[in-house]
PDB file of N, CA and C in Angstrom:
ATOM      1  N   MET A   1      45.441 -40.775   3.584  1.00  0.00           N
ATOM      2  CA  MET A   1      44.563 -41.465   5.027  1.00  0.00           C
ATOM      3  C   MET A   1      44.577 -42.548   6.279  1.00  0.00           C
ATOM      4  N   THR A   2      44.800 -42.563   6.929  1.00  0.00           N
ATOM      5  CA  THR A   2      45.594 -43.650   7.675  1.00  0.00           C
ATOM      6  C   THR A   2      44.268 -44.289   7.915  1.00  0.00           C
ATOM      7  N   GLY A   3      45.092 -45.628   8.654  1.00  0.00           N
ATOM      8  CA  GLY A   3      43.915 -47.382   8.395  1.00  0.00           C
ATOM      9  C   GLY A   3      42.702 -46.833   9.086  1.00  0.00           C
ATOM     10  N   THR A   4      42.805 -46.159  10.239  1.00  0.00           N
ATOM     11  CA  THR A   4      41.475 -45.215  10.663  1.00  0.00           C
ATOM     12  C   THR A   4      40.584 -45.170   9.536  1.00  0.00           C
ATOM     13  N   GLU A   5      40.902 -43.512   9.064  1.00  0.00           N
ATOM     14  CA  GLU A   5      39.745 -43.333   8.380  1.00  0.00           C
ATOM     15  C   GLU A   5      39.795 -44.115   7.312  1.00  0.00           C
ATOM     16  N   THR A   6      40.472 -45.348   6.973  1.00  0.00           N
ATOM     17  CA  THR A   6      39.966 -46.282   5.359  1.00  0.00           C
ATOM     18  C   THR A   6      39.134 -46.620   6.137  1.00  0.00           C
ATOM     19  N   ARG A   7      39.378 -47.254   6.908  1.00  0.00           N
ATOM     20  CA  ARG A   7      37.670 -47.981   7.550  1.00  0.00           C
ATOM     21  C   ARG A   7      36.640 -47.620   7.409  1.00  0.00           C
ATOM     22  N   ARG A   8      37.362 -45.662   8.747  1.00  0.00           N
ATOM     23  CA  ARG A   8      35.550 -45.304   8.558  1.00  0.00           C
ATOM     24  C   ARG A   8      34.576 -44.745   7.125  1.00  0.00           C
ATOM     25  N   ALA A   9      35.590 -44.426   6.865  1.00  0.00           N
ATOM     26  CA  ALA A   9      35.215 -43.959   4.911  1.00  0.00           C
ATOM     27  C   ALA A   9      34.306 -45.867   4.592  1.00  0.00           C
ATOM     28  N   ALA A  10      35.146 -46.789   4.403  1.00  0.00           N
ATOM     29  CA  ALA A  10      34.189 -48.292   3.814  1.00  0.00           C
ATOM     30  C   ALA A  10      33.488 -47.867   4.808  1.00  0.00           C
ATOM     31  N   SER A  11      33.471 -48.333   6.191  1.00  0.00           N
ATOM     32  CA  SER A  11      32.033 -48.293   6.696  1.00  0.00           C
ATOM     33  C   SER A  11      31.010 -47.596   6.250  1.00  0.00           C
ATOM     34  N   SER A  12      31.318 -46.091   6.336  1.00  0.00           N
ATOM     35  CA  SER A  12      30.574 -45.023   5.262  1.00  0.00           C
ATOM     36  C   SER A  12      29.080 -45.424   4.204  1.00  0.00           C
ATOM     37  N   TRP A  13      30.325 -45.923   3.308  1.00  0.00           N
ATOM     38  CA  TRP A  13      29.973 -46.125   2.656  1.00  0.00           C
ATOM     39  C   TRP A  13      29.211 -47.649   2.393  1.00  0.00           C
ATOM     40  N   ALA A  14      29.417 -48.169   3.074  1.00  0.00           N
ATOM     41  CA  ALA A  14      28.750 -49.700   3.215  1.00  0.00           C
ATOM     42  C   ALA A  14      26.990 -49.372   4.276  1.00  0.00           C
ATOM     43  N   VAL A  15      27.041 -48.390   5.486  1.00  0.00           N
ATOM     44  CA  VAL A  15      26.420 -47.907   5.723  1.00  0.00           C
ATOM     45  C   VAL A  15      24.970 -47.384   4.387  1.00  0.00           C
ATOM     46  N   TRP A  16      26.049 -46.524   4.034  1.00  0.00           N
ATOM     47  CA  TRP A  16      24.931 -46.041   3.134  1.00  0.00           C
ATOM     48  C   TRP A  16      23.828 -46.152   1.928  1.00  0.00           C
ATOM     49  N   VAL A  17      25.172 -47.847   1.706  1.00  0.00           N
ATOM     50  CA  VAL A  17      25.227 -48.838   0.275  1.00  0.00           C
ATOM     51  C   VAL A  17      23.686 -49.876   1.089  1.00  0.00           C
ATOM     52  N   ILE A  18      23.597 -49.995   2.384  1.00  0.00           N
ATOM     53  CA  ILE A  18      22.537 -50.466   3.197  1.00  0.00           C
ATOM     54  C   ILE A  18      21.195 -49.906   2.655  1.00  0.00           C
ATOM     55  N   ALA A  19      21.404 -48.979   3.776  1.00  0.00           N
ATOM     56  CA  ALA A  19      20.318 -47.585   3.897  1.00  0.00           C
ATOM     57  C   ALA A  19      19.932 -47.438   2.983  1.00  0.00           C
ATOM     58  N   GLY A  20      20.600 -47.545   1.261  1.00  0.00           N
ATOM     59  CA  GLY A  20      19.233 -47.407  -0.134  1.00  0.00           C
ATOM     60  C   GLY A  20      18.848 -48.489  -0.760  1.00  0.00           C
ATOM     61  N   ALA A  21      18.884 -49.673  -0.010  1.00  0.00           N
ATOM     62  CA  ALA A  21      19.007 -51.123  -0.449  1.00  0.00           C
ATOM     63  C   ALA A  21      17.395 -51.126   0.220  1.00  0.00           C
ATOM     64  N   PHE A  22      17.668 -50.510   1.550  1.00  0.00           N
ATOM     65  CA  PHE A  22      16.458 -50.589   2.482  1.00  0.00           C
ATOM     66  C   PHE A  22      15.728 -49.671   2.490  1.00  0.00           C
ATOM     67  N   ALA A  23      16.340 -48.260   1.295  1.00  0.00           N
ATOM     68  CA  ALA A  23      15.310 -47.648   1.151  1.00  0.00           C
ATOM     69  C   ALA A  23      14.681 -47.828  -0.102  1.00  0.00           C
ATOM     70  N   LEU A  24      14.402 -48.304  -1.182  1.00  0.00           N
ATOM     71  CA  LEU A  24      13.600 -48.760  -1.959  1.00  0.00           C
ATOM     72  C   LEU A  24      13.154 -49.692  -1.814  1.00  0.00           C
ATOM     73  N   LEU A  25      12.957 -50.425  -0.730  1.00  0.00           N
ATOM     74  CA  LEU A  25      11.923 -51.309  -0.079  1.00  0.00           C
ATOM     75  C   LEU A  25      10.864 -50.333   0.536  1.00  0.00           C
ATOM     76  N   PHE A  26      10.768 -49.272   1.333  1.00  0.00           N
ATOM     77  CA  PHE A  26      10.352 -48.881   2.041  1.00  0.00           C
ATOM     78  C   PHE A  26       9.394 -47.579   0.949  1.00  0.00           C
ATOM     79  N   ALA A  27      10.626 -47.354   0.088  1.00  0.00           N
ATOM     80  CA  ALA A  27       9.652 -46.490  -1.392  1.00  0.00           C
ATOM     81  C   ALA A  27       8.487 -47.028  -2.017  1.00  0.00           C
ATOM     82  N   TYR A  28       8.421 -48.350  -2.067  1.00  0.00           N
ATOM     83  CA  TYR A  28       7.641 -49.738  -2.513  1.00  0.00           C
ATOM     84  C   TYR A  28       6.256 -48.878  -2.016  1.00  0.00           C
ATOM     85  N   ALA A  29       6.924 -49.376  -0.889  1.00  0.00           N
ATOM     86  CA  ALA A  29       5.029 -49.358   0.614  1.00  0.00           C
ATOM     87  C   ALA A  29       4.927 -48.115   0.432  1.00  0.00           C
ATOM     88  N   VAL A  30       5.667 -46.800   0.499  1.00  0.00           N
ATOM     89  CA  VAL A  30       4.343 -45.754   0.686  1.00  0.00           C
ATOM     90  C   VAL A  30       4.416 -45.459  -1.364  1.00  0.00           C
ATOM     91  N   TRP A  31       4.708 -45.912  -2.000  1.00  0.00           N
ATOM     92  CA  TRP A  31       4.238 -46.402  -3.557  1.00  0.00           C
ATOM     93  C   TRP A  31       3.398 -47.330  -3.918  1.00  0.00           C
ATOM     94  N   SER A  32       2.732 -47.979  -2.846  1.00  0.00           N
ATOM     95  CA  SER A  32       1.472 -49.065  -3.425  1.00  0.00           C
ATOM     96  C   SER A  32       1.066 -48.302  -2.782  1.00  0.00           C
ATOM     97  N   ALA A  33       1.041 -47.629  -1.027  1.00  0.00           N
ATOM     98  CA  ALA A  33      -0.009 -47.151  -0.580  1.00  0.00           C
ATOM     99  C   ALA A  33      -0.529 -45.935  -1.052  1.00  0.00           C
ATOM    100  N   VAL A  34      -0.227 -45.774  -2.089  1.00  0.00           N
ATOM    101  CA  VAL A  34      -0.813 -43.997  -2.358  1.00  0.00           C
ATOM    102  C   VAL A  34      -0.884 -43.787  -3.585  1.00  0.00           C
ATOM    103  N   ASN A  35      -0.871 -45.174  -4.388  1.00  0.00           N
ATOM    104  CA  ASN A  35      -1.824 -46.579  -5.494  1.00  0.00           C
ATOM    105  C   ASN A  35      -2.711 -46.260  -5.128  1.00  0.00           C
ATOM    106  N   TYR A  36      -3.014 -47.082  -3.681  1.00  0.00           N
ATOM    107  CA  TYR A  36      -4.207 -47.748  -3.441  1.00  0.00           C
ATOM    108  C   TYR A  36      -5.300 -46.694  -3.053  1.00  0.00           C
ATOM    109  N   LEU A  37      -4.806 -45.389  -2.406  1.00  0.00           N
ATOM    110  CA  LEU A  37      -4.981 -44.535  -2.135  1.00  0.00           C
ATOM    111  C   LEU A  37      -5.738 -43.555  -3.435  1.00  0.00           C
ATOM    112  N   VAL A  38      -4.697 -43.770  -4.155  1.00  0.00           N
ATOM    113  CA  VAL A  38      -6.175 -43.007  -5.056  1.00  0.00           C
ATOM    114  C   VAL A  38      -6.714 -43.663  -5.920  1.00  0.00           C
ATOM    115  N   ALA A  39      -6.843 -45.263  -6.362  1.00  0.00           N
ATOM    116  CA  ALA A  39      -7.537 -45.578  -6.676  1.00  0.00           C
ATOM    117  C   ALA A  39      -8.936 -45.720  -5.917  1.00  0.00           C
ATOM    118  N   TRP A  40      -9.199 -46.432  -4.410  1.00  0.00           N
ATOM    119  CA  TRP A  40      -9.165 -45.926  -3.606  1.00  0.00           C
ATOM    120  C   TRP A  40     -10.572 -44.488  -3.848  1.00  0.00           C
ATOM    121  N   VAL A  41     -10.051 -43.040  -3.866  1.00  0.00           N
ATOM    122  CA  VAL A  41     -10.593 -41.717  -3.514  1.00  0.00           C
ATOM    123  C   VAL A  41     -10.995 -41.825  -5.582  1.00  0.00           C
ATOM    124  N   GLN A  42     -10.732 -42.500  -6.577  1.00  0.00           N
ATOM    125  CA  GLN A  42     -11.475 -42.612  -7.236  1.00  0.00           C
ATOM    126  C   GLN A  42     -12.634 -43.548  -7.540  1.00  0.00           C
ATOM    127  N   ALA A  43     -12.338 -44.500  -6.889  1.00  0.00           N
ATOM    128  CA  ALA A  43     -13.620 -45.509  -7.190  1.00  0.00           C
ATOM    129  C   ALA A  43     -14.628 -44.968  -5.721  1.00  0.00           C
ATOM    130  N   ALA A  44     -14.093 -44.435  -5.334  1.00  0.00           N
ATOM    131  CA  ALA A  44     -15.431 -43.586  -4.196  1.00  0.00           C
ATOM    132  C   ALA A  44     -15.856 -42.596  -5.379  1.00  0.00           C
ATOM    133  N   GLY A  45     -15.122 -41.523  -5.989  1.00  0.00           N
ATOM    134  CA  GLY A  45     -15.917 -40.492  -6.477  1.00  0.00           C
ATOM    135  C   GLY A  45     -17.303 -41.170  -8.038  1.00  0.00           C
ATOM    136  N   ALA A  46     -16.062 -42.368  -8.165  1.00  0.00           N
ATOM    137  CA  ALA A  46     -16.912 -42.918  -9.509  1.00  0.00           C
ATOM    138  C   ALA A  46     -18.833 -43.534  -9.182  1.00  0.00           C
ATOM    139  N   ALA A  47     -18.457 -44.028  -7.781  1.00  0.00           N
ATOM    140  CA  ALA A  47     -19.459 -43.909  -7.290  1.00  0.00           C
ATOM    141  C   ALA A  47     -20.554 -42.610  -7.093  1.00  0.00           C
ATOM    142  N   GLY A  48     -19.942 -42.172  -6.886  1.00  0.00           N
ATOM    143  CA  GLY A  48     -20.465 -40.669  -6.322  1.00  0.00           C
ATOM    144  C   GLY A  48     -20.539 -40.560  -4.403  1.00  0.00           C
ATOM    145  N   GLN A  49     -19.774 -41.566  -4.648  1.00  0.00           N
ATOM    146  CA  GLN A  49     -19.192 -41.241  -2.794  1.00  0.00           C
ATOM    147  C   GLN A  49     -17.664 -40.726  -2.341  1.00  0.00           C
ATOM    148  N   SER A  50     -17.425 -40.558  -0.663  1.00  0.00           N
ATOM    149  CA  SER A  50     -16.273 -40.306  -0.484  1.00  0.00           C
ATOM    150  C   SER A  50     -15.411 -40.868   0.382  1.00  0.00           C
ATOM    151  N   LEU A  51     -14.350 -41.278   0.444  1.00  0.00           N
ATOM    152  CA  LEU A  51     -14.014 -41.769   1.497  1.00  0.00           C
ATOM    153  C   LEU A  51     -14.237 -41.572   2.662  1.00  0.00           C
ATOM    154  N   SER A  52     -14.810 -42.254   3.827  1.00  0.00           N
ATOM    155  CA  SER A  52     -15.098 -42.124   5.397  1.00  0.00           C
ATOM    156  C   SER A  52     -13.646 -41.896   5.719  1.00  0.00           C
ATOM    157  N   ALA A  53     -13.453 -40.775   7.210  1.00  0.00           N
ATOM    158  CA  ALA A  53     -12.273 -40.488   7.683  1.00  0.00           C
ATOM    159  C   ALA A  53     -11.646 -41.862   7.986  1.00  0.00           C
ATOM    160  N   MET A  54     -11.977 -42.802   8.458  1.00  0.00           N
ATOM    161  CA  MET A  54     -11.309 -43.254   9.011  1.00  0.00           C
ATOM    162  C   MET A  54     -10.413 -44.475   7.818  1.00  0.00           C
ATOM    163  N   GLY A  55     -11.428 -44.202   6.609  1.00  0.00           N
ATOM    164  CA  GLY A  55     -10.276 -44.760   5.274  1.00  0.00           C
ATOM    165  C   GLY A  55      -9.185 -43.829   5.215  1.00  0.00           C
ATOM    166  N   TRP A  56      -9.606 -42.491   5.152  1.00  0.00           N
ATOM    167  CA  TRP A  56      -8.717 -41.708   5.169  1.00  0.00           C
ATOM    168  C   TRP A  56      -6.986 -41.714   5.920  1.00  0.00           C
ATOM    169  N   ALA A  57      -7.530 -41.869   7.197  1.00  0.00           N
ATOM    170  CA  ALA A  57      -6.885 -42.054   7.991  1.00  0.00           C
ATOM    171  C   ALA A  57      -5.746 -43.143   7.563  1.00  0.00           C
ATOM    172  N   ALA A  58      -6.646 -44.237   7.335  1.00  0.00           N
ATOM    173  CA  ALA A  58      -5.307 -45.447   7.388  1.00  0.00           C
ATOM    174  C   ALA A  58      -4.710 -45.419   6.007  1.00  0.00           C
ATOM    175  N   TRP A  59      -5.498 -44.848   4.515  1.00  0.00           N
ATOM    176  CA  TRP A  59      -4.355 -44.678   3.719  1.00  0.00           C
ATOM    177  C   TRP A  59      -3.500 -43.488   3.664  1.00  0.00           C
ATOM    178  N   ILE A  60      -3.591 -42.530   4.236  1.00  0.00           N
ATOM    179  CA  ILE A  60      -2.084 -41.081   5.439  1.00  0.00           C
ATOM    180  C   ILE A  60      -1.238 -42.408   6.086  1.00  0.00           C
ATOM    181  N   LEU A  61      -2.290 -43.131   6.947  1.00  0.00           N
ATOM    182  CA  LEU A  61      -0.506 -43.571   8.116  1.00  0.00           C
ATOM    183  C   LEU A  61      -0.290 -44.646   6.923  1.00  0.00           C
ATOM    184  N   ALA A  62      -1.020 -45.340   5.913  1.00  0.00           N
ATOM    185  CA  ALA A  62      -0.246 -46.545   5.351  1.00  0.00           C
ATOM    186  C   ALA A  62       1.792 -45.506   4.526  1.00  0.00           C
ATOM    187  N   ILE A  63       0.939 -44.364   4.295  1.00  0.00           N
ATOM    188  CA  ILE A  63       1.452 -42.879   3.631  1.00  0.00           C
ATOM    189  C   ILE A  63       2.853 -42.876   4.565  1.00  0.00           C
ATOM    190  N   VAL A  64       2.654 -42.052   5.861  1.00  0.00           N
ATOM    191  CA  VAL A  64       3.286 -41.759   6.596  1.00  0.00           C
ATOM    192  C   VAL A  64       4.419 -42.806   7.053  1.00  0.00           C
ATOM    193  N   LEU A  65       3.808 -43.855   7.769  1.00  0.00           N
ATOM    194  CA  LEU A  65       4.272 -44.841   8.715  1.00  0.00           C
ATOM    195  C   LEU A  65       5.825 -44.788   7.966  1.00  0.00           C
ATOM    196  N   PRO A  66       5.525 -46.011   6.985  1.00  0.00           N
ATOM    197  CA  PRO A  66       7.329 -46.379   6.346  1.00  0.00           C
ATOM    198  C   PRO A  66       7.857 -45.051   6.336  1.00  0.00           C
ATOM    199  N   ILE A  67       7.971 -43.519   5.912  1.00  0.00           N
ATOM    200  CA  ILE A  67       9.007 -42.837   5.977  1.00  0.00           C
ATOM    201  C   ILE A  67       9.636 -42.181   7.153  1.00  0.00           C
ATOM    202  N   LEU A  68       8.331 -42.466   8.589  1.00  0.00           N
ATOM    203  CA  LEU A  68       8.744 -41.930   9.853  1.00  0.00           C
ATOM    204  C   LEU A  68      10.092 -43.257   9.968  1.00  0.00           C
ATOM    205  N   LEU A  69       9.383 -44.650   9.844  1.00  0.00           N
ATOM    206  CA  LEU A  69      10.069 -45.417  10.697  1.00  0.00           C
ATOM    207  C   LEU A  69      11.759 -46.036   9.871  1.00  0.00           C
ATOM    208  N   PHE A  70      11.527 -45.283   8.634  1.00  0.00           N
ATOM    209  CA  PHE A  70      12.563 -45.326   8.156  1.00  0.00           C
ATOM    210  C   PHE A  70      13.695 -44.516   8.513  1.00  0.00           C
ATOM    211  N   GLY A  71      13.349 -43.556   8.961  1.00  0.00           N
ATOM    212  CA  GLY A  71      14.653 -41.953   9.677  1.00  0.00           C
ATOM    213  C   GLY A  71      14.129 -42.857  10.827  1.00  0.00           C
ATOM    214  N   VAL A  72      13.868 -43.504  11.699  1.00  0.00           N
ATOM    215  CA  VAL A  72      14.165 -43.691  12.990  1.00  0.00           C
ATOM    216  C   VAL A  72      14.283 -45.045  12.708  1.00  0.00           C
ATOM    217  N   ALA A  73      14.494 -45.806  12.006  1.00  0.00           N
ATOM    218  CA  ALA A  73      15.835 -46.946  11.913  1.00  0.00           C
ATOM    219  C   ALA A  73      17.140 -46.292  11.772  1.00  0.00           C
ATOM    220  N   LEU A  74      17.260 -45.750  10.410  1.00  0.00           N
ATOM    221  CA  LEU A  74      18.393 -45.664   9.677  1.00  0.00           C
ATOM    222  C   LEU A  74      18.767 -43.749  11.872  1.00  0.00           C
ATOM    223  N   GLY A  75      18.362 -43.475  11.483  1.00  0.00           N
ATOM    224  CA  GLY A  75      18.742 -42.952  12.878  1.00  0.00           C
ATOM    225  C   GLY A  75      19.660 -43.586  14.145  1.00  0.00           C
ATOM    226  N   LEU A  76      18.491 -44.481  14.596  1.00  0.00           N
ATOM    227  CA  LEU A  76      19.192 -45.587  15.143  1.00  0.00           C
ATOM    228  C   LEU A  76      20.417 -46.397  15.420  1.00  0.00           C
ATOM    229  N   GLY A  77      20.301 -46.353  13.904  1.00  0.00           N
ATOM    230  CA  GLY A  77      21.227 -47.830  13.865  1.00  0.00           C
ATOM    231  C   GLY A  77      22.208 -47.299  13.276  1.00  0.00           C
ATOM    232  N   ARG A  78      22.320 -46.305  12.353  1.00  0.00           N
ATOM    233  CA  ARG A  78      23.708 -45.416  11.309  1.00  0.00           C
ATOM    234  C   ARG A  78      24.782 -45.811  11.986  1.00  0.00           C
ATOM    235  N   ARG A  79      25.103 -44.800  13.500  1.00  0.00           N
ATOM    236  CA  ARG A  79      26.649 -45.410  13.931  1.00  0.00           C
ATOM    237  C   ARG A  79      26.932 -46.140  14.569  1.00  0.00           C
ATOM    238  N   ARG A  80      25.543 -47.443  14.593  1.00  0.00           N
ATOM    239  CA  ARG A  80      25.949 -48.577  15.262  1.00  0.00           C
ATOM    240  C   ARG A  80      26.401 -49.992  14.715  1.00  0.00           C
ATOM    241  N   GLY A  81      26.921 -49.356  13.630  1.00  0.00           N
ATOM    242  CA  GLY A  81      27.442 -50.693  12.810  1.00  0.00           C
ATOM    243  C   GLY A  81      26.699 -51.050  11.680  1.00  0.00           C
ATOM    244  N   LYS A  82      27.006 -51.927  11.511  1.00  0.00           N
ATOM    245  CA  LYS A  82      26.053 -51.997   9.702  1.00  0.00           C
ATOM    246  C   LYS A  82      25.585 -53.343  10.207  1.00  0.00           C
ATOM    247  N   LEU A  83      25.601 -54.070  10.663  1.00  0.00           N
ATOM    248  CA  LEU A  83      24.775 -55.382  11.372  1.00  0.00           C
ATOM    249  C   LEU A  83      23.939 -55.190  12.068  1.00  0.00           C
ATOM    250  N   THR A  84      24.030 -53.328  12.808  1.00  0.00           N
ATOM    251  CA  THR A  84      23.171 -53.441  13.982  1.00  0.00           C
ATOM    252  C   THR A  84      21.954 -52.363  13.137  1.00  0.00           C
ATOM    253  N   LEU A  85      22.531 -51.619  11.820  1.00  0.00           N
ATOM    254  CA  LEU A  85      21.631 -51.042  11.225  1.00  0.00           C
ATOM    255  C   LEU A  85      21.160 -52.042  10.254  1.00  0.00           C
ATOM    256  N   THR A  86      21.187 -53.056   9.843  1.00  0.00           N
ATOM    257  CA  THR A  86      20.647 -53.667   8.745  1.00  0.00           C
ATOM    258  C   THR A  86      19.651 -54.258   9.836  1.00  0.00           C
ATOM    259  N   LEU A  87      19.056 -54.067  10.651  1.00  0.00           N
ATOM    260  CA  LEU A  87      18.239 -55.502  12.059  1.00  0.00           C
ATOM    261  C   LEU A  87      17.441 -54.075  12.408  1.00  0.00           C
ATOM    262  N   PHE A  88      18.115 -53.483  12.807  1.00  0.00           N
ATOM    263  CA  PHE A  88      17.184 -52.013  12.494  1.00  0.00           C
ATOM    264  C   PHE A  88      16.173 -51.853  11.818  1.00  0.00           C
ATOM    265  N   LEU A  89      16.545 -51.726  10.293  1.00  0.00           N
ATOM    266  CA  LEU A  89      15.620 -51.458   9.364  1.00  0.00           C
ATOM    267  C   LEU A  89      15.320 -52.496   8.728  1.00  0.00           C
ATOM    268  N   LEU A  90      15.216 -54.345   9.250  1.00  0.00           N
ATOM    269  CA  LEU A  90      14.782 -54.789   8.893  1.00  0.00           C
ATOM    270  C   LEU A  90      13.367 -55.000   9.938  1.00  0.00           C
ATOM    271  N   THR A  91      13.779 -54.480  11.314  1.00  0.00           N
ATOM    272  CA  THR A  91      12.365 -54.457  11.812  1.00  0.00           C
ATOM    273  C   THR A  91      11.796 -53.329  11.389  1.00  0.00           C
ATOM    274  N   ALA A  92      12.103 -52.790  11.114  1.00  0.00           N
ATOM    275  CA  ALA A  92      11.199 -51.257  10.681  1.00  0.00           C
ATOM    276  C   ALA A  92      10.002 -51.842   9.459  1.00  0.00           C
ATOM    277  N   LEU A  93      11.002 -52.773   8.505  1.00  0.00           N
ATOM    278  CA  LEU A  93      10.838 -53.262   7.003  1.00  0.00           C
ATOM    279  C   LEU A  93       9.012 -54.057   8.014  1.00  0.00           C
ATOM    280  N   SER A  94       9.191 -54.867   9.060  1.00  0.00           N
ATOM    281  CA  SER A  94       8.454 -55.539   9.478  1.00  0.00           C
ATOM    282  C   SER A  94       7.309 -54.857   9.458  1.00  0.00           C
ATOM    283  N   LEU A  95       7.330 -54.515  10.529  1.00  0.00           N
ATOM    284  CA  LEU A  95       6.584 -53.768  11.073  1.00  0.00           C
ATOM    285  C   LEU A  95       5.559 -52.829  10.383  1.00  0.00           C
ATOM    286  N   VAL A  96       6.251 -52.514   8.882  1.00  0.00           N
ATOM    287  CA  VAL A  96       5.228 -51.702   7.839  1.00  0.00           C
ATOM    288  C   VAL A  96       5.202 -52.770   7.267  1.00  0.00           C
ATOM    289  N   ALA A  97       5.034 -53.850   6.925  1.00  0.00           N
ATOM    290  CA  ALA A  97       4.458 -54.629   6.379  1.00  0.00           C
ATOM    291  C   ALA A  97       2.949 -54.995   7.219  1.00  0.00           C
ATOM    292  N   VAL A  98       3.344 -55.689   7.776  1.00  0.00           N
ATOM    293  CA  VAL A  98       2.471 -55.786   9.824  1.00  0.00           C
ATOM    294  C   VAL A  98       0.971 -54.823   9.653  1.00  0.00           C
ATOM    295  N   PHE A  99       1.610 -53.636   8.761  1.00  0.00           N
ATOM    296  CA  PHE A  99       0.614 -52.388   9.210  1.00  0.00           C
ATOM    297  C   PHE A  99      -0.153 -52.406   7.924  1.00  0.00           C
ATOM    298  N   TRP A 100       0.808 -52.835   6.560  1.00  0.00           N
ATOM    299  CA  TRP A 100       0.358 -52.944   5.587  1.00  0.00           C
ATOM    300  C   TRP A 100      -0.896 -53.957   5.162  1.00  0.00           C
ATOM    301  N   LEU A 101      -0.955 -55.280   6.016  1.00  0.00           N
ATOM    302  CA  LEU A 101      -1.619 -56.011   6.194  1.00  0.00           C
ATOM    303  C   LEU A 101      -2.993 -55.975   6.691  1.00  0.00           C
ATOM    304  N   ASN A 102      -2.853 -54.911   7.684  1.00  0.00           N
ATOM    305  CA  ASN A 102      -3.383 -54.568   8.996  1.00  0.00           C
ATOM    306  C   ASN A 102      -4.761 -53.903   8.271  1.00  0.00           C
ATOM    307  N   VAL A 103      -4.162 -52.633   7.378  1.00  0.00           N
ATOM    308  CA  VAL A 103      -4.793 -52.027   6.466  1.00  0.00           C
ATOM    309  C   VAL A 103      -5.573 -52.804   5.473  1.00  0.00           C
ATOM    310  N   MET A 104      -4.985 -53.091   4.305  1.00  0.00           N
ATOM    311  CA  MET A 104      -5.664 -54.111   3.924  1.00  0.00           C
ATOM    312  C   MET A 104      -6.604 -55.029   3.983  1.00  0.00           C
ATOM    313  N   ALA A 105      -6.603 -56.207   5.140  1.00  0.00           N
ATOM    314  CA  ALA A 105      -7.976 -56.098   6.184  1.00  0.00           C
ATOM    315  C   ALA A 105      -8.818 -54.906   6.551  1.00  0.00           C
ATOM    316  N   TYR A 106      -8.945 -54.297   6.663  1.00  0.00           N
ATOM    317  CA  TYR A 106      -9.742 -52.954   7.506  1.00  0.00           C
ATOM    318  C   TYR A 106     -10.937 -53.163   5.574  1.00  0.00           C
ATOM    319  N   THR A 107      -9.660 -52.879   5.089  1.00  0.00           N
ATOM    320  CA  THR A 107     -10.441 -51.552   3.839  1.00  0.00           C
ATOM    321  C   THR A 107     -10.991 -53.044   2.970  1.00  0.00           C
ATOM    322  N   THR A 108     -11.263 -53.900   3.303  1.00  0.00           N
ATOM    323  CA  THR A 108     -11.530 -55.036   2.489  1.00  0.00           C
ATOM    324  C   THR A 108     -12.675 -55.282   3.120  1.00  0.00           C
ATOM    325  N   ILE A 109     -12.543 -55.429   4.303  1.00  0.00           N
ATOM    326  CA  ILE A 109     -14.112 -55.558   5.646  1.00  0.00           C
ATOM    327  C   ILE A 109     -14.675 -54.296   5.903  1.00  0.00           C
ATOM    328  N   VAL A 110     -14.512 -53.645   6.249  1.00  0.00           N
ATOM    329  CA  VAL A 110     -14.813 -52.553   6.501  1.00  0.00           C
ATOM    330  C   VAL A 110     -15.172 -51.300   5.301  1.00  0.00           C
ATOM    331  N   PRO A 111     -16.453 -50.749   5.465  1.00  0.00           N
ATOM    332  CA  PRO A 111     -16.875 -50.316   4.255  1.00  0.00           C
ATOM    333  C   PRO A 111     -16.106 -48.715   4.432  1.00  0.00           C
ATOM    334  N   ILE A 112     -15.490 -47.977   3.673  1.00  0.00           N
ATOM    335  CA  ILE A 112     -14.362 -47.321   3.586  1.00  0.00           C
ATOM    336  C   ILE A 112     -15.227 -45.434   2.851  1.00  0.00           C
ATOM    337  N   ILE A 113     -16.168 -46.781   2.209  1.00  0.00           N
ATOM    338  CA  ILE A 113     -16.699 -45.213   1.309  1.00  0.00           C
ATOM    339  C   ILE A 113     -17.803 -45.137   1.685  1.00  0.00           C
ATOM    340  N   ALA A 114     -18.209 -43.960   2.347  1.00  0.00           N
ATOM    341  CA  ALA A 114     -19.186 -43.666   3.410  1.00  0.00           C
ATOM    342  C   ALA A 114     -19.700 -42.434   1.967  1.00  0.00           C
TER     343      ALA A 114
END
């Protein structure tokens, strides 16, 4: 292996470690959204009702958005270096957190069970 190949292999390894660490955080966001969706569906069923269309949209977006943003951030930052990748992933995770807070505020204020 030449020096360039060794540096590229080490860099590739570090990129995937960074991506894996952030993937756990994004996976937690997806898992929480699925958990809350199931809980709301069960609560609505126990009350003899169902979720409204906006309730479904909010929870489905809370599930899909972290997956989508992780893919976009990884795609944009993978070849640009470790620091840039970390900043892209941190920005995407921040957007997920802001959206999650919006969903939580919406579902506690607006009645999503119709």
